[in-house]
């Protein structure tokens, strides 16, 4: 049987079990929150469950990192130790992808995030993530890039080295085996 989200009941149950176990094993990321409340919210939004499934399938290891009281939503970030494996070797956006004449990557970070129903972390969110642990010690992740930088052909990425978050720039059309992107979704 297939759910409205495109997931089978078995896939949904497996995902919820993985998310629950990760939630319980990483309580420091979401002190004061209760899994039963998160699960109730997830069961209300099938499309968001599908997006979380895609985050998990591509190696992101999504976990709850905040509860936005004003909006009444749980915030999930990719919490894999390194940039998600299934989302690496991508340039920044569609314009960058189309500008490449040779050796084009399969897709771009922005296109892939959109197809998954998530957003790429911005720099502030990336810094928030790093307060929850040490991520991207060997890889890097594209982050949302301000228009004035993007208009000049650049894009931003971050990593964690020497105990600090570093923000760098690169041509948006560049792509590397060790660079992907991390996503955020609000449920």
N, C-alpha and C. Protein backbone atom coordinates (compact mmCIF):
# COMPACT_ATOMS: atom_id res chain seq x y z
N UNK A 1 0.84 -1.19 0.00
CA UNK A 1 0.00 0.00 0.00
C UNK A 1 0.88 1.25 0.00
N UNK A 2 0.55 2.22 -0.83
CA UNK A 2 1.32 3.45 -0.93
C UNK A 2 0.57 4.60 -0.28
N UNK A 3 1.29 5.38 0.50
CA UNK A 3 0.71 6.56 1.14
C UNK A 3 0.66 7.71 0.13
N UNK A 4 -0.03 8.76 0.47
CA UNK A 4 -0.13 9.94 -0.40
C UNK A 4 1.25 10.53 -0.68
N UNK A 5 2.18 10.37 0.21
CA UNK A 5 3.51 10.93 0.05
C UNK A 5 4.37 10.15 -0.92
N UNK A 6 3.90 8.99 -1.36
CA UNK A 6 4.71 8.17 -2.25
C UNK A 6 5.50 7.11 -1.50
N UNK A 7 5.42 7.10 -0.20
CA UNK A 7 6.11 6.10 0.61
C UNK A 7 5.15 4.98 0.94
N UNK A 8 5.68 3.76 0.99
CA UNK A 8 4.85 2.66 1.47
C UNK A 8 4.71 2.80 2.99
N UNK A 9 3.75 2.13 3.53
CA UNK A 9 3.55 2.14 4.98
C UNK A 9 4.81 1.62 5.68
N UNK A 10 5.42 0.60 5.09
CA UNK A 10 6.65 0.03 5.66
C UNK A 10 7.79 1.05 5.65
N UNK A 11 7.96 1.77 4.54
CA UNK A 11 9.02 2.79 4.46
C UNK A 11 8.80 3.89 5.49
N UNK A 12 7.55 4.31 5.63
CA UNK A 12 7.23 5.36 6.60
C UNK A 12 7.53 4.89 8.01
N UNK A 13 7.11 3.68 8.35
CA UNK A 13 7.35 3.14 9.70
C UNK A 13 8.84 2.99 9.98
N UNK A 14 9.60 2.52 8.98
CA UNK A 14 11.06 2.38 9.15
C UNK A 14 11.70 3.74 9.38
N UNK A 15 11.28 4.73 8.59
CA UNK A 15 11.83 6.08 8.76
C UNK A 15 11.51 6.63 10.14
N UNK A 16 10.27 6.52 10.57
CA UNK A 16 9.90 7.04 11.89
C UNK A 16 10.69 6.36 12.99
N UNK A 17 10.97 5.09 12.84
CA UNK A 17 11.77 4.37 13.84
C UNK A 17 13.21 4.89 13.86
N UNK A 18 13.78 5.13 12.68
CA UNK A 18 15.14 5.67 12.59
C UNK A 18 15.19 7.07 13.21
N UNK A 19 14.21 7.91 12.86
CA UNK A 19 14.17 9.27 13.40
C UNK A 19 14.00 9.26 14.92
N UNK A 20 13.15 8.37 15.41
CA UNK A 20 12.93 8.26 16.86
C UNK A 20 14.22 7.86 17.57
N UNK A 21 14.91 6.86 17.04
CA UNK A 21 16.15 6.39 17.66
C UNK A 21 17.21 7.50 17.65
N UNK A 22 17.33 8.21 16.53
CA UNK A 22 18.30 9.31 16.44
C UNK A 22 17.93 10.42 17.43
N UNK A 23 16.65 10.72 17.51
CA UNK A 23 16.15 11.74 18.44
C UNK A 23 16.54 11.37 19.87
N UNK A 24 16.27 10.13 20.26
CA UNK A 24 16.54 9.68 21.63
C UNK A 24 18.04 9.58 21.92
N UNK A 25 18.85 9.31 20.91
CA UNK A 25 20.30 9.19 21.10
C UNK A 25 21.03 10.52 21.08
N UNK A 26 20.32 11.58 20.75
CA UNK A 26 20.95 12.90 20.62
C UNK A 26 20.12 13.98 21.31
N UNK A 27 19.72 13.73 22.54
CA UNK A 27 18.84 14.65 23.25
C UNK A 27 19.45 16.05 23.44
N UNK A 28 20.77 16.16 23.40
CA UNK A 28 21.39 17.47 23.56
C UNK A 28 21.06 18.40 22.40
N UNK A 29 20.63 17.86 21.27
CA UNK A 29 20.25 18.68 20.12
C UNK A 29 18.87 19.31 20.28
N UNK A 30 18.07 18.76 21.19
CA UNK A 30 16.68 19.22 21.31
C UNK A 30 16.15 19.04 22.73
N UNK A 31 16.89 19.57 23.67
CA UNK A 31 16.50 19.45 25.08
C UNK A 31 15.09 19.98 25.31
N UNK A 32 14.34 19.26 26.11
CA UNK A 32 12.99 19.68 26.46
C UNK A 32 11.91 19.28 25.47
N UNK A 33 12.29 18.72 24.34
CA UNK A 33 11.30 18.29 23.35
C UNK A 33 10.98 16.81 23.55
N UNK A 34 9.78 16.41 23.14
CA UNK A 34 9.34 15.02 23.32
C UNK A 34 9.06 14.40 21.96
N UNK A 35 9.57 13.17 21.77
CA UNK A 35 9.39 12.49 20.51
C UNK A 35 7.91 12.29 20.16
N UNK A 36 7.08 11.98 21.15
CA UNK A 36 5.67 11.73 20.84
C UNK A 36 5.02 12.94 20.19
N UNK A 37 5.41 14.14 20.60
CA UNK A 37 4.87 15.36 20.00
C UNK A 37 5.40 15.56 18.58
N UNK A 38 6.68 15.23 18.38
CA UNK A 38 7.27 15.33 17.04
C UNK A 38 6.57 14.34 16.11
N UNK A 39 6.39 13.11 16.57
CA UNK A 39 5.77 12.08 15.74
C UNK A 39 4.33 12.46 15.38
N UNK A 40 3.59 13.00 16.31
CA UNK A 40 2.22 13.44 16.03
C UNK A 40 2.23 14.48 14.92
N UNK A 41 3.16 15.39 14.98
CA UNK A 41 3.27 16.43 13.94
C UNK A 41 3.63 15.80 12.60
N UNK A 42 4.57 14.85 12.61
CA UNK A 42 4.98 14.19 11.37
C UNK A 42 3.81 13.45 10.73
N UNK A 43 2.99 12.83 11.53
CA UNK A 43 1.87 12.06 10.99
C UNK A 43 0.80 12.95 10.36
N UNK A 44 0.87 14.24 10.65
CA UNK A 44 -0.07 15.20 10.08
C UNK A 44 0.40 15.70 8.71
N UNK A 45 1.71 15.64 8.45
CA UNK A 45 2.27 16.23 7.23
C UNK A 45 3.04 15.18 6.42
N UNK A 46 2.30 14.40 5.62
CA UNK A 46 2.89 13.33 4.82
C UNK A 46 3.96 13.83 3.86
N UNK A 47 3.77 15.02 3.25
CA UNK A 47 4.75 15.54 2.30
C UNK A 47 6.08 15.82 3.00
N UNK A 48 6.02 16.24 4.24
CA UNK A 48 7.25 16.50 5.00
C UNK A 48 7.95 15.19 5.36
N UNK A 49 7.17 14.15 5.61
CA UNK A 49 7.74 12.83 5.89
C UNK A 49 8.50 12.34 4.66
N UNK A 50 7.93 12.55 3.48
CA UNK A 50 8.62 12.16 2.25
C UNK A 50 9.94 12.91 2.12
N UNK A 51 9.94 14.22 2.41
CA UNK A 51 11.18 15.01 2.35
C UNK A 51 12.21 14.49 3.34
N UNK A 52 11.77 14.16 4.54
CA UNK A 52 12.69 13.58 5.53
C UNK A 52 13.24 12.24 5.05
N UNK A 53 12.39 11.47 4.39
CA UNK A 53 12.83 10.20 3.81
C UNK A 53 13.95 10.45 2.79
N UNK A 54 13.77 11.46 1.96
CA UNK A 54 14.79 11.80 0.96
C UNK A 54 16.07 12.29 1.63
N UNK A 55 15.94 13.05 2.70
CA UNK A 55 17.12 13.49 3.44
C UNK A 55 17.87 12.28 3.98
N UNK A 56 17.13 11.33 4.53
CA UNK A 56 17.74 10.12 5.08
C UNK A 56 18.34 9.26 3.97
N UNK A 57 17.61 9.08 2.88
CA UNK A 57 18.06 8.23 1.77
C UNK A 57 19.37 8.74 1.17
N UNK A 58 19.57 10.04 1.16
CA UNK A 58 20.78 10.62 0.58
C UNK A 58 21.90 10.82 1.61
N UNK A 59 21.71 10.28 2.81
CA UNK A 59 22.78 10.28 3.80
C UNK A 59 22.82 11.44 4.76
N UNK A 60 21.73 12.20 4.85
CA UNK A 60 21.74 13.41 5.69
C UNK A 60 21.55 13.20 7.17
N UNK A 61 20.97 12.06 7.57
CA UNK A 61 20.71 11.79 8.98
C UNK A 61 19.98 12.96 9.66
N UNK A 62 18.77 13.29 9.16
CA UNK A 62 18.05 14.44 9.73
C UNK A 62 17.66 14.21 11.18
N UNK A 63 17.69 15.30 11.95
CA UNK A 63 17.29 15.26 13.35
C UNK A 63 16.68 16.61 13.72
N UNK A 64 15.85 16.59 14.74
CA UNK A 64 15.23 17.81 15.26
C UNK A 64 16.31 18.63 15.96
N UNK A 65 16.38 19.92 15.59
CA UNK A 65 17.36 20.79 16.22
C UNK A 65 16.72 21.98 16.91
N UNK A 66 15.39 22.16 16.71
CA UNK A 66 14.74 23.31 17.33
C UNK A 66 13.23 23.14 17.23
N UNK A 67 12.52 23.88 18.06
CA UNK A 67 11.08 24.01 17.95
C UNK A 67 10.79 25.50 17.87
N UNK A 68 10.21 25.93 16.76
CA UNK A 68 9.87 27.33 16.55
C UNK A 68 8.48 27.57 17.15
N UNK A 69 8.45 28.11 18.37
CA UNK A 69 7.18 28.31 19.08
C UNK A 69 6.25 29.27 18.35
N UNK A 70 6.82 30.30 17.75
CA UNK A 70 6.03 31.30 17.04
C UNK A 70 5.25 30.68 15.89
N UNK A 71 5.89 29.79 15.15
CA UNK A 71 5.25 29.15 13.99
C UNK A 71 4.65 27.79 14.33
N UNK A 72 5.03 27.25 15.49
CA UNK A 72 4.53 25.94 15.88
C UNK A 72 5.09 24.80 15.05
N UNK A 73 6.37 24.90 14.67
CA UNK A 73 6.98 23.87 13.83
C UNK A 73 8.29 23.36 14.42
N UNK A 74 8.56 22.09 14.13
CA UNK A 74 9.84 21.49 14.49
C UNK A 74 10.79 21.72 13.33
N UNK A 75 12.05 22.01 13.66
CA UNK A 75 13.07 22.28 12.65
C UNK A 75 14.03 21.10 12.62
N UNK A 76 14.19 20.52 11.44
CA UNK A 76 15.13 19.41 11.23
C UNK A 76 16.29 19.91 10.37
N UNK A 77 17.52 19.55 10.76
CA UNK A 77 18.72 19.78 9.95
C UNK A 77 19.32 18.43 9.63
N UNK A 78 20.09 18.37 8.54
CA UNK A 78 20.93 17.21 8.28
C UNK A 78 22.03 17.20 9.34
N UNK A 79 22.17 16.09 10.04
CA UNK A 79 23.15 16.00 11.13
C UNK A 79 24.19 14.92 10.89
N UNK A 80 24.39 14.52 9.64
CA UNK A 80 25.44 13.55 9.34
C UNK A 80 26.79 14.18 9.66
N UNK A 81 27.74 13.35 10.06
CA UNK A 81 29.06 13.87 10.45
C UNK A 81 29.70 14.66 9.31
N UNK A 82 29.56 14.17 8.09
CA UNK A 82 30.12 14.85 6.92
C UNK A 82 28.97 15.23 5.99
N UNK A 83 29.25 16.09 5.03
CA UNK A 83 28.24 16.50 4.07
C UNK A 83 27.61 15.25 3.45
N UNK A 84 26.29 15.18 3.36
CA UNK A 84 25.63 13.94 2.92
C UNK A 84 26.19 13.38 1.61
N UNK A 85 26.57 12.10 1.65
CA UNK A 85 27.21 11.44 0.50
C UNK A 85 26.37 11.49 -0.76
N UNK A 86 25.08 11.32 -0.62
CA UNK A 86 24.20 11.30 -1.79
C UNK A 86 23.92 12.67 -2.39
N UNK A 87 24.57 13.71 -1.85
CA UNK A 87 24.35 15.07 -2.34
C UNK A 87 25.65 15.80 -2.63
N UNK A 88 26.70 15.06 -2.86
CA UNK A 88 28.00 15.67 -3.16
C UNK A 88 28.22 15.74 -4.67
N UNK A 89 29.29 16.40 -5.05
CA UNK A 89 29.65 16.56 -6.47
C UNK A 89 28.56 17.28 -7.26
N UNK A 90 28.02 18.33 -6.65
CA UNK A 90 27.02 19.16 -7.32
C UNK A 90 27.49 20.61 -7.30
N UNK A 91 27.21 21.32 -8.39
CA UNK A 91 27.51 22.75 -8.39
C UNK A 91 26.41 23.46 -7.60
N UNK A 92 26.46 24.78 -7.54
CA UNK A 92 25.55 25.49 -6.64
C UNK A 92 24.10 25.54 -7.15
N UNK A 93 23.85 26.04 -8.36
CA UNK A 93 22.47 26.20 -8.83
C UNK A 93 22.34 25.91 -10.32
N UNK A 94 21.13 26.03 -10.84
CA UNK A 94 20.83 25.72 -12.25
C UNK A 94 21.66 26.59 -13.19
N UNK A 95 21.75 27.88 -12.90
CA UNK A 95 22.52 28.79 -13.75
C UNK A 95 23.97 28.33 -13.84
N UNK A 96 24.54 27.92 -12.72
CA UNK A 96 25.92 27.43 -12.72
C UNK A 96 26.04 26.13 -13.51
N UNK A 97 25.08 25.26 -13.36
CA UNK A 97 25.08 23.99 -14.09
C UNK A 97 25.04 24.24 -15.60
N UNK A 98 24.16 25.12 -16.02
CA UNK A 98 24.02 25.40 -17.44
C UNK A 98 25.22 26.14 -18.02
N UNK A 99 25.98 26.85 -17.17
CA UNK A 99 27.14 27.59 -17.66
C UNK A 99 28.34 26.69 -17.94
N UNK A 100 28.33 25.48 -17.40
CA UNK A 100 29.45 24.56 -17.63
C UNK A 100 29.39 24.02 -19.06
N UNK A 101 30.51 24.07 -19.72
CA UNK A 101 30.58 23.55 -21.09
C UNK A 101 30.95 22.07 -21.09
N UNK A 102 31.82 21.66 -20.19
CA UNK A 102 32.29 20.27 -20.12
C UNK A 102 32.16 19.74 -18.69
N UNK A 103 32.09 18.45 -18.59
CA UNK A 103 32.11 17.75 -17.30
C UNK A 103 31.06 18.29 -16.33
N UNK A 104 29.84 18.37 -16.82
CA UNK A 104 28.75 18.86 -15.97
C UNK A 104 28.42 17.83 -14.89
N UNK A 105 28.14 18.29 -13.68
CA UNK A 105 27.64 17.37 -12.66
C UNK A 105 26.20 16.98 -13.02
N UNK A 106 25.67 15.99 -12.36
CA UNK A 106 24.31 15.54 -12.65
C UNK A 106 23.26 16.61 -12.37
N UNK A 107 23.47 17.37 -11.31
CA UNK A 107 22.48 18.38 -10.91
C UNK A 107 23.18 19.45 -10.08
N UNK A 108 22.39 20.33 -9.53
CA UNK A 108 22.92 21.38 -8.66
C UNK A 108 22.35 21.21 -7.26
N UNK A 109 22.99 21.84 -6.31
CA UNK A 109 22.53 21.78 -4.91
C UNK A 109 21.12 22.37 -4.78
N UNK A 110 20.89 23.52 -5.39
CA UNK A 110 19.59 24.18 -5.27
C UNK A 110 18.50 23.33 -5.92
N UNK A 111 18.77 22.79 -7.11
CA UNK A 111 17.78 21.95 -7.79
C UNK A 111 17.47 20.69 -6.98
N UNK A 112 18.50 20.06 -6.45
CA UNK A 112 18.30 18.84 -5.68
C UNK A 112 17.51 19.12 -4.40
N UNK A 113 17.87 20.20 -3.72
CA UNK A 113 17.14 20.57 -2.50
C UNK A 113 15.66 20.83 -2.82
N UNK A 114 15.40 21.55 -3.89
CA UNK A 114 14.02 21.85 -4.29
C UNK A 114 13.26 20.57 -4.59
N UNK A 115 13.90 19.64 -5.30
CA UNK A 115 13.23 18.39 -5.65
C UNK A 115 12.93 17.55 -4.41
N UNK A 116 13.69 17.75 -3.34
CA UNK A 116 13.49 17.03 -2.10
C UNK A 116 12.50 17.73 -1.17
N UNK A 117 12.12 18.95 -1.50
CA UNK A 117 11.20 19.71 -0.66
C UNK A 117 11.86 20.31 0.57
N UNK A 118 13.17 20.59 0.46
CA UNK A 118 13.92 21.17 1.58
C UNK A 118 14.63 22.43 1.10
N UNK A 119 15.25 23.14 2.04
CA UNK A 119 16.07 24.30 1.72
C UNK A 119 17.50 24.01 2.11
N UNK A 120 18.43 24.67 1.44
CA UNK A 120 19.84 24.59 1.82
C UNK A 120 20.03 25.44 3.07
N UNK A 121 20.84 24.97 4.01
CA UNK A 121 21.12 25.78 5.20
C UNK A 121 21.73 27.11 4.79
N UNK A 122 21.38 28.15 5.53
CA UNK A 122 22.07 29.43 5.35
C UNK A 122 23.27 29.46 6.32
N UNK A 123 24.06 30.50 6.24
CA UNK A 123 25.27 30.56 7.07
C UNK A 123 24.94 30.54 8.56
N UNK A 124 23.92 31.27 8.99
CA UNK A 124 23.54 31.27 10.41
C UNK A 124 23.10 29.89 10.87
N UNK A 125 22.31 29.20 10.04
CA UNK A 125 21.88 27.85 10.39
C UNK A 125 23.07 26.90 10.46
N UNK A 126 24.02 27.06 9.55
CA UNK A 126 25.22 26.23 9.57
C UNK A 126 25.99 26.45 10.88
N UNK A 127 26.10 27.67 11.30
CA UNK A 127 26.79 27.97 12.56
C UNK A 127 26.02 27.39 13.75
N UNK A 128 24.69 27.44 13.70
CA UNK A 128 23.86 26.82 14.74
C UNK A 128 24.12 25.32 14.79
N UNK A 129 24.16 24.68 13.63
CA UNK A 129 24.45 23.25 13.57
C UNK A 129 25.77 22.93 14.26
N UNK A 130 26.79 23.73 14.03
CA UNK A 130 28.11 23.47 14.59
C UNK A 130 28.15 23.61 16.11
N UNK A 131 27.16 24.28 16.68
CA UNK A 131 27.07 24.36 18.15
C UNK A 131 26.55 23.04 18.74
N UNK A 132 26.00 22.17 17.88
CA UNK A 132 25.44 20.90 18.32
C UNK A 132 26.43 19.74 18.18
N UNK A 133 27.58 20.01 17.59
CA UNK A 133 28.60 18.97 17.38
C UNK A 133 29.63 19.48 16.39
N UNK A 134 30.52 18.60 16.00
CA UNK A 134 31.54 18.94 15.00
C UNK A 134 31.16 18.26 13.68
N UNK A 135 30.74 19.05 12.70
CA UNK A 135 30.31 18.53 11.42
C UNK A 135 31.21 19.06 10.31
N UNK A 136 31.32 18.32 9.22
CA UNK A 136 32.14 18.72 8.06
C UNK A 136 33.60 18.94 8.43
N UNK A 137 34.18 17.99 9.15
CA UNK A 137 35.60 18.08 9.49
C UNK A 137 36.48 17.63 8.32
N UNK A 138 35.90 16.92 7.36
CA UNK A 138 36.64 16.45 6.18
C UNK A 138 35.98 16.90 4.87
N UNK A 139 34.75 17.37 4.95
CA UNK A 139 34.01 17.78 3.76
C UNK A 139 33.60 19.24 3.92
N UNK A 140 32.88 19.74 2.93
CA UNK A 140 32.33 21.09 3.01
C UNK A 140 30.91 21.07 2.47
N UNK A 141 30.15 22.12 2.76
CA UNK A 141 28.75 22.18 2.35
C UNK A 141 28.42 23.55 1.78
N UNK A 142 27.78 23.55 0.59
CA UNK A 142 27.25 24.80 0.05
C UNK A 142 26.26 25.38 1.05
N UNK A 143 26.20 26.68 1.16
CA UNK A 143 25.18 27.37 1.96
C UNK A 143 24.49 28.40 1.07
N UNK A 144 23.30 28.82 1.50
CA UNK A 144 22.57 29.83 0.73
C UNK A 144 23.47 31.04 0.51
N UNK A 145 23.49 31.52 -0.70
CA UNK A 145 24.40 32.59 -1.09
C UNK A 145 23.64 33.87 -1.37
N UNK A 146 24.08 35.00 -0.80
CA UNK A 146 23.43 36.29 -1.07
C UNK A 146 23.45 36.61 -2.58
N UNK A 147 22.40 37.28 -3.04
CA UNK A 147 22.26 37.60 -4.46
C UNK A 147 23.44 38.37 -5.02
N UNK A 148 23.97 39.34 -4.26
CA UNK A 148 25.06 40.14 -4.80
C UNK A 148 26.32 39.32 -5.07
N UNK A 149 26.53 38.27 -4.30
CA UNK A 149 27.66 37.36 -4.56
C UNK A 149 27.33 36.46 -5.74
N UNK A 150 26.11 35.94 -5.73
CA UNK A 150 25.69 35.03 -6.81
C UNK A 150 25.66 35.76 -8.15
N UNK A 151 25.25 37.02 -8.16
CA UNK A 151 25.20 37.81 -9.40
C UNK A 151 26.58 37.99 -10.02
N UNK A 152 27.61 37.84 -9.22
CA UNK A 152 28.99 37.98 -9.71
C UNK A 152 29.62 36.62 -10.02
N UNK A 153 28.79 35.57 -9.96
CA UNK A 153 29.29 34.24 -10.34
C UNK A 153 29.76 33.39 -9.19
N UNK A 154 29.70 33.92 -7.97
CA UNK A 154 30.21 33.18 -6.82
C UNK A 154 29.14 32.47 -6.03
N UNK A 155 29.58 31.63 -5.13
CA UNK A 155 28.70 30.95 -4.18
C UNK A 155 29.50 30.66 -2.92
N UNK A 156 28.80 30.52 -1.80
CA UNK A 156 29.46 30.31 -0.51
C UNK A 156 29.36 28.85 -0.07
N UNK A 157 30.37 28.41 0.64
CA UNK A 157 30.34 27.11 1.29
C UNK A 157 31.05 27.22 2.63
N UNK A 158 30.76 26.26 3.50
CA UNK A 158 31.33 26.27 4.85
C UNK A 158 31.93 24.91 5.17
N UNK A 159 32.82 24.93 6.14
CA UNK A 159 33.32 23.69 6.74
C UNK A 159 33.76 23.99 8.16
N UNK A 160 34.21 22.95 8.86
CA UNK A 160 34.64 23.10 10.26
C UNK A 160 36.06 22.58 10.37
N UNK A 161 36.99 23.48 10.62
CA UNK A 161 38.39 23.10 10.76
C UNK A 161 39.00 23.85 11.94
N UNK A 162 39.94 23.23 12.61
CA UNK A 162 40.67 23.88 13.71
C UNK A 162 39.74 24.44 14.78
N UNK A 163 38.61 23.79 14.98
CA UNK A 163 37.67 24.23 16.00
C UNK A 163 36.85 25.44 15.62
N UNK A 164 36.81 25.80 14.32
CA UNK A 164 36.09 26.99 13.87
C UNK A 164 35.32 26.72 12.59
N UNK A 165 34.24 27.46 12.42
CA UNK A 165 33.49 27.44 11.16
C UNK A 165 34.17 28.41 10.21
N UNK A 166 34.45 27.95 9.01
CA UNK A 166 35.01 28.81 7.98
C UNK A 166 34.00 28.95 6.85
N UNK A 167 33.87 30.18 6.35
CA UNK A 167 33.01 30.47 5.21
C UNK A 167 33.94 30.87 4.07
N UNK A 168 33.75 30.22 2.93
CA UNK A 168 34.59 30.47 1.77
C UNK A 168 33.71 30.81 0.57
N UNK A 169 34.37 31.16 -0.50
CA UNK A 169 33.67 31.40 -1.76
C UNK A 169 34.32 30.55 -2.85
N UNK A 170 33.56 30.29 -3.88
CA UNK A 170 34.04 29.55 -5.03
C UNK A 170 33.17 29.96 -6.21
N UNK A 171 33.60 29.67 -7.40
CA UNK A 171 32.71 29.85 -8.54
C UNK A 171 31.52 28.92 -8.37
N UNK A 172 30.34 29.40 -8.60
CA UNK A 172 29.13 28.61 -8.39
C UNK A 172 29.10 27.36 -9.26
N UNK A 173 29.83 27.37 -10.38
CA UNK A 173 29.83 26.23 -11.28
C UNK A 173 30.78 25.12 -10.83
N UNK A 174 31.58 25.37 -9.82
CA UNK A 174 32.53 24.36 -9.35
C UNK A 174 31.81 23.25 -8.60
N UNK A 175 32.43 22.10 -8.60
CA UNK A 175 31.90 20.98 -7.80
C UNK A 175 33.03 20.05 -7.45
N UNK A 176 32.91 19.43 -6.28
CA UNK A 176 33.97 18.58 -5.75
C UNK A 176 33.37 17.37 -5.07
N UNK A 177 34.10 16.29 -5.07
CA UNK A 177 33.63 15.05 -4.46
C UNK A 177 33.40 15.20 -2.96
N UNK A 178 34.05 16.16 -2.34
CA UNK A 178 33.92 16.35 -0.89
C UNK A 178 33.01 17.52 -0.53
N UNK A 179 32.29 18.06 -1.52
CA UNK A 179 31.37 19.16 -1.21
C UNK A 179 29.95 18.80 -1.63
N UNK A 180 29.04 18.97 -0.67
CA UNK A 180 27.63 18.74 -0.94
C UNK A 180 26.83 19.88 -0.34
N UNK A 181 25.72 19.55 0.25
CA UNK A 181 24.94 20.57 0.96
C UNK A 181 24.13 19.90 2.06
N UNK A 182 23.81 20.69 3.05
CA UNK A 182 22.96 20.26 4.17
C UNK A 182 21.62 20.98 4.06
N UNK A 183 20.57 20.26 4.44
CA UNK A 183 19.25 20.84 4.30
C UNK A 183 18.56 21.11 5.62
N UNK A 184 17.48 21.88 5.51
CA UNK A 184 16.62 22.19 6.64
C UNK A 184 15.18 22.01 6.16
N UNK A 185 14.34 21.49 7.05
CA UNK A 185 12.91 21.39 6.80
C UNK A 185 12.17 21.69 8.09
N UNK A 186 11.06 22.37 7.94
CA UNK A 186 10.21 22.72 9.10
C UNK A 186 8.93 21.92 9.00
N UNK A 187 8.59 21.24 10.10
CA UNK A 187 7.40 20.39 10.11
C UNK A 187 6.46 20.87 11.20
